[in-house]
Amino acid sequence: MGARIVNCPQCGKSAEWSSANPYRPFCSERCKMIDLGAWANEDYRIPVTESKDRPEADEGSGS
């Protein structure tokens, strides 16, 4: 069975998903480094919504 082909998450180019491609799932070191830089710059974030059901940490401390 041949190697699986996936799209590079950075540029969309076809990339081989196998041990022969050390940059998988990326197509190249360049795309891998662009993605790493985006993580380092905090460009990728998980949205957080505040819950009204959860009390604040300093409420009810009794001080």
C-alpha atoms as a PDB file:
ATOM      1  CA  MET A   1       0.000   0.000   0.000  1.00  0.00           C
ATOM      2  CA  GLY A   2       1.356   3.436  -0.952  1.00  0.00           C
ATOM      3  CA  ALA A   3       1.926   6.403   1.295  1.00  0.00           C
ATOM      4  CA  ARG A   4      -1.089   8.477   2.210  1.00  0.00           C
ATOM      5  CA  ILE A   5      -1.235  11.922   0.580  1.00  0.00           C
ATOM      6  CA  VAL A   6      -2.618  14.824   2.629  1.00  0.00           C
ATOM      7  CA  ASN A   7      -2.922  18.561   2.037  1.00  0.00           C
ATOM      8  CA  CYS A   8      -0.374  20.739   3.819  1.00  0.00           C
ATOM      9  CA  PRO A   9      -2.268  22.682   6.512  1.00  0.00           C
ATOM     10  CA  GLN A  10      -0.216  25.792   5.720  1.00  0.00           C
ATOM     11  CA  CYS A  11      -0.206  26.080   1.918  1.00  0.00           C
ATOM     12  CA  GLY A  12      -2.554  23.321   0.749  1.00  0.00           C
ATOM     13  CA  LYS A  13       0.063  21.568  -1.400  1.00  0.00           C
ATOM     14  CA  SER A  14       0.025  17.749  -1.450  1.00  0.00           C
ATOM     15  CA  ALA A  15       2.324  16.164   1.119  1.00  0.00           C
ATOM     16  CA  GLU A  16       3.219  12.549   1.763  1.00  0.00           C
ATOM     17  CA  TRP A  17       2.237  11.229   5.201  1.00  0.00           C
ATOM     18  CA  SER A  18       5.046   8.794   5.870  1.00  0.00           C
ATOM     19  CA  SER A  19       8.336   8.507   7.717  1.00  0.00           C
ATOM     20  CA  ALA A  20      10.012   9.622   4.477  1.00  0.00           C
ATOM     21  CA  ASN A  21       8.569  13.123   5.073  1.00  0.00           C
ATOM     22  CA  PRO A  22      10.079  14.482   8.323  1.00  0.00           C
ATOM     23  CA  TYR A  23       7.856  17.595   8.109  1.00  0.00           C
ATOM     24  CA  ARG A  24       4.513  15.762   7.990  1.00  0.00           C
ATOM     25  CA  PRO A  25       1.752  16.905   7.930  1.00  0.00           C
ATOM     26  CA  PHE A  26       3.487  19.868   6.268  1.00  0.00           C
ATOM     27  CA  CYS A  27       5.010  19.738   2.800  1.00  0.00           C
ATOM     28  CA  SER A  28       8.282  21.434   3.764  1.00  0.00           C
ATOM     29  CA  GLU A  29      10.366  22.826   6.596  1.00  0.00           C
ATOM     30  CA  ARG A  30       9.252  26.324   5.549  1.00  0.00           C
ATOM     31  CA  CYS A  31       5.553  25.547   6.095  1.00  0.00           C
ATOM     32  CA  LYS A  32       6.340  23.815   9.397  1.00  0.00           C
ATOM     33  CA  MET A  33       8.278  26.864  10.632  1.00  0.00           C
ATOM     34  CA  ILE A  34       5.526  29.285   9.548  1.00  0.00           C
ATOM     35  CA  ASP A  35       3.050  27.266  11.630  1.00  0.00           C
ATOM     36  CA  LEU A  36       5.426  27.138  14.610  1.00  0.00           C
ATOM     37  CA  GLY A  37       5.867  30.914  14.396  1.00  0.00           C
ATOM     38  CA  ALA A  38       2.104  31.410  14.426  1.00  0.00           C
ATOM     39  CA  TRP A  39       1.877  29.362  17.642  1.00  0.00           C
ATOM     40  CA  ALA A  40       4.768  31.345  19.188  1.00  0.00           C
ATOM     41  CA  ASN A  41       3.041  34.633  18.303  1.00  0.00           C
ATOM     42  CA  GLU A  42      -0.184  33.325  19.863  1.00  0.00           C
ATOM     43  CA  ASP A  43      -2.016  33.704  16.548  1.00  0.00           C
ATOM     44  CA  TYR A  44      -3.907  30.492  17.322  1.00  0.00           C
ATOM     45  CA  ARG A  45      -6.260  30.875  20.266  1.00  0.00           C
ATOM     46  CA  ILE A  46      -9.095  28.904  21.739  1.00  0.00           C
ATOM     47  CA  PRO A  47     -12.043  31.191  22.447  1.00  0.00           C
ATOM     48  CA  VAL A  48     -13.119  31.262  26.075  1.00  0.00           C
ATOM     49  CA  THR A  49     -16.561  32.250  27.264  1.00  0.00           C
ATOM     50  CA  GLU A  50     -17.030  33.188  30.874  1.00  0.00           C
ATOM     51  CA  SER A  51     -19.577  31.134  32.752  1.00  0.00           C
ATOM     52  CA  LYS A  52     -22.072  32.980  34.955  1.00  0.00           C
ATOM     53  CA  ASP A  53     -22.591  29.769  36.975  1.00  0.00           C
ATOM     54  CA  ARG A  54     -19.026  29.633  38.265  1.00  0.00           C
ATOM     55  CA  PRO A  55     -18.192  31.986  41.160  1.00  0.00           C
ATOM     56  CA  GLU A  56     -15.137  34.230  40.962  1.00  0.00           C
ATOM     57  CA  ALA A  57     -12.042  33.024  42.799  1.00  0.00           C
ATOM     58  CA  ASP A  58     -12.085  35.867  45.356  1.00  0.00           C
ATOM     59  CA  GLU A  59     -15.849  35.731  46.124  1.00  0.00           C
ATOM     60  CA  GLY A  60     -16.812  34.164  49.431  1.00  0.00           C
ATOM     61  CA  SER A  61     -13.259  34.004  50.751  1.00  0.00           C
ATOM     62  CA  GLY A  62     -14.479  35.376  54.100  1.00  0.00           C
ATOM     63  CA  SER A  63     -11.711  37.988  54.424  1.00  0.00           C
END
